Amino acid sequence: MNGTLLDLAQEYDREASRAVRWQTRDDCRRAAALLRRMVCNREAADPTRITITMSMLIDIPERWCRQHGYRAVAGHSGYVIQRDGEPAIIAGVGDTLLWDGERITVRAAR
């Protein structure tokens, strides 16, 4: 289903680039953004894991980490995640963040 919604978002993006009227272009861009947000929210719905993807909006992993008491800052190649005095965790695209009930760990992409 995620692929279907992302495909539809890409179709709206293509339609926006072909649109002559600014109103149509804006409507298509807003629809594409909404579809991408729906996919990202679904991916972040599992409180025990989230996989960082290229199509994921920046604030989704930040919000997921915040729900577990961590701060997450997006950077050039991924996220820096930290809580209180704990060492920082680095996670990039393809990595999965796992919550074990006490702390976040990263399973690196293969």
Protein backbone atom coordinates (compact mmCIF):
# COMPACT_ATOMS: atom_id res chain seq x y z
CA MET A 1 0.00 0.00 0.00
CA ASN A 2 2.86 2.44 0.76
CA GLY A 3 4.17 1.98 -2.76
CA THR A 4 0.74 2.74 -4.14
CA LEU A 5 0.41 5.98 -2.19
CA LEU A 6 3.96 7.03 -3.07
CA ASP A 7 3.29 6.26 -6.72
CA LEU A 8 0.18 8.40 -6.55
CA ALA A 9 2.16 11.23 -4.90
CA GLN A 10 4.70 11.05 -7.74
CA GLU A 11 1.87 11.22 -10.26
CA TYR A 12 0.55 14.37 -8.58
CA ASP A 13 4.10 15.82 -8.72
CA ARG A 14 4.26 15.09 -12.45
CA GLU A 15 0.84 16.65 -12.94
CA ALA A 16 1.97 19.75 -11.04
CA SER A 17 5.01 20.13 -13.29
CA ARG A 18 2.78 19.95 -16.38
CA ALA A 19 0.06 22.26 -15.05
CA VAL A 20 -0.38 25.63 -16.69
CA ARG A 21 -2.58 27.19 -14.03
CA TRP A 22 -0.89 28.03 -10.72
CA GLN A 23 -4.00 26.92 -8.81
CA THR A 24 -3.82 23.44 -10.36
CA ARG A 25 -0.07 23.28 -9.71
CA ASP A 26 -0.54 24.20 -6.04
CA ASP A 27 -3.42 21.76 -5.58
CA CYS A 28 -1.35 18.91 -7.05
CA ARG A 29 1.65 19.73 -4.86
CA ARG A 30 -0.53 19.84 -1.75
CA ALA A 31 -2.12 16.49 -2.64
CA ALA A 32 1.32 14.92 -3.18
CA ALA A 33 2.56 16.26 0.15
CA LEU A 34 -0.52 14.92 1.94
CA LEU A 35 -0.04 11.44 0.46
CA ARG A 36 3.64 11.39 1.50
CA ARG A 37 2.70 12.47 5.04
CA MET A 38 0.11 9.66 5.21
CA VAL A 39 2.74 7.09 4.26
CA CYS A 40 5.22 8.46 6.80
CA ASN A 41 2.66 8.57 9.59
CA ARG A 42 1.77 4.95 8.89
CA GLU A 43 5.45 3.96 9.03
CA ALA A 44 5.81 5.75 12.38
CA ALA A 45 2.69 4.17 13.91
CA ASP A 46 4.60 1.20 15.36
CA PRO A 47 5.97 2.36 18.73
CA THR A 48 8.65 -0.34 18.75
CA ARG A 49 10.34 0.35 15.39
CA ILE A 50 10.70 2.80 12.55
CA THR A 51 12.81 2.46 9.42
CA ILE A 52 14.22 5.69 8.03
CA THR A 53 13.52 5.98 4.31
CA MET A 54 14.37 8.52 1.61
CA SER A 55 10.71 9.39 1.17
CA MET A 56 10.21 10.01 4.90
CA LEU A 57 9.54 13.56 5.98
CA ILE A 58 12.20 14.91 8.34
CA ASP A 59 9.92 15.50 11.31
CA ILE A 60 8.55 11.94 11.45
CA PRO A 61 11.64 10.25 13.01
CA GLU A 62 12.16 13.33 15.20
CA ARG A 63 8.62 12.98 16.58
CA TRP A 64 9.00 9.18 17.01
CA CYS A 65 12.19 9.69 19.04
CA ARG A 66 10.64 12.48 21.11
CA GLN A 67 7.79 10.13 22.07
CA HIS A 68 10.43 7.90 23.66
CA GLY A 69 12.20 10.72 25.51
CA TYR A 70 15.00 11.33 22.98
CA ARG A 71 16.02 14.34 20.96
CA ALA A 72 16.67 13.76 17.27
CA VAL A 73 18.35 16.27 14.98
CA ALA A 74 18.39 15.79 11.23
CA GLY A 75 21.74 16.30 9.56
CA HIS A 76 23.41 15.80 6.21
CA SER A 77 23.56 12.01 6.34
CA GLY A 78 20.84 11.11 8.82
CA TYR A 79 19.89 11.76 12.43
CA VAL A 80 21.77 12.28 15.67
CA ILE A 81 19.67 10.87 18.50
CA GLN A 82 20.39 11.42 22.18
CA ARG A 83 18.83 11.35 25.63
CA ASP A 84 20.22 13.13 28.69
CA GLY A 85 23.85 12.06 29.25
CA GLU A 86 23.78 8.99 27.02
CA PRO A 87 26.13 8.72 24.06
CA ALA A 88 24.73 9.96 20.78
CA ILE A 89 23.26 7.46 18.31
CA ILE A 90 23.71 8.02 14.59
CA ALA A 91 21.09 6.65 12.18
CA GLY A 92 20.83 7.08 8.43
CA VAL A 93 18.60 6.16 5.54
CA GLY A 94 17.74 2.47 5.63
CA ASP A 95 18.53 2.07 9.33
CA THR A 96 15.82 0.89 11.70
CA LEU A 97 15.33 2.47 15.11
CA LEU A 98 14.20 -0.05 17.71
CA TRP A 99 12.59 0.71 21.07
CA ASP A 100 12.96 -2.03 23.70
CA GLY A 101 10.89 -0.27 26.34
CA GLU A 102 13.91 1.46 27.87
CA ARG A 103 16.13 2.77 25.09
CA ILE A 104 16.46 3.26 21.37
CA THR A 105 18.99 1.20 19.45
CA VAL A 106 19.83 1.18 15.74
CA ARG A 107 19.82 -1.81 13.44
CA ALA A 108 22.02 -0.73 10.54
CA ALA A 109 20.83 -1.21 6.96
CA ARG A 110 22.48 -4.12 5.20
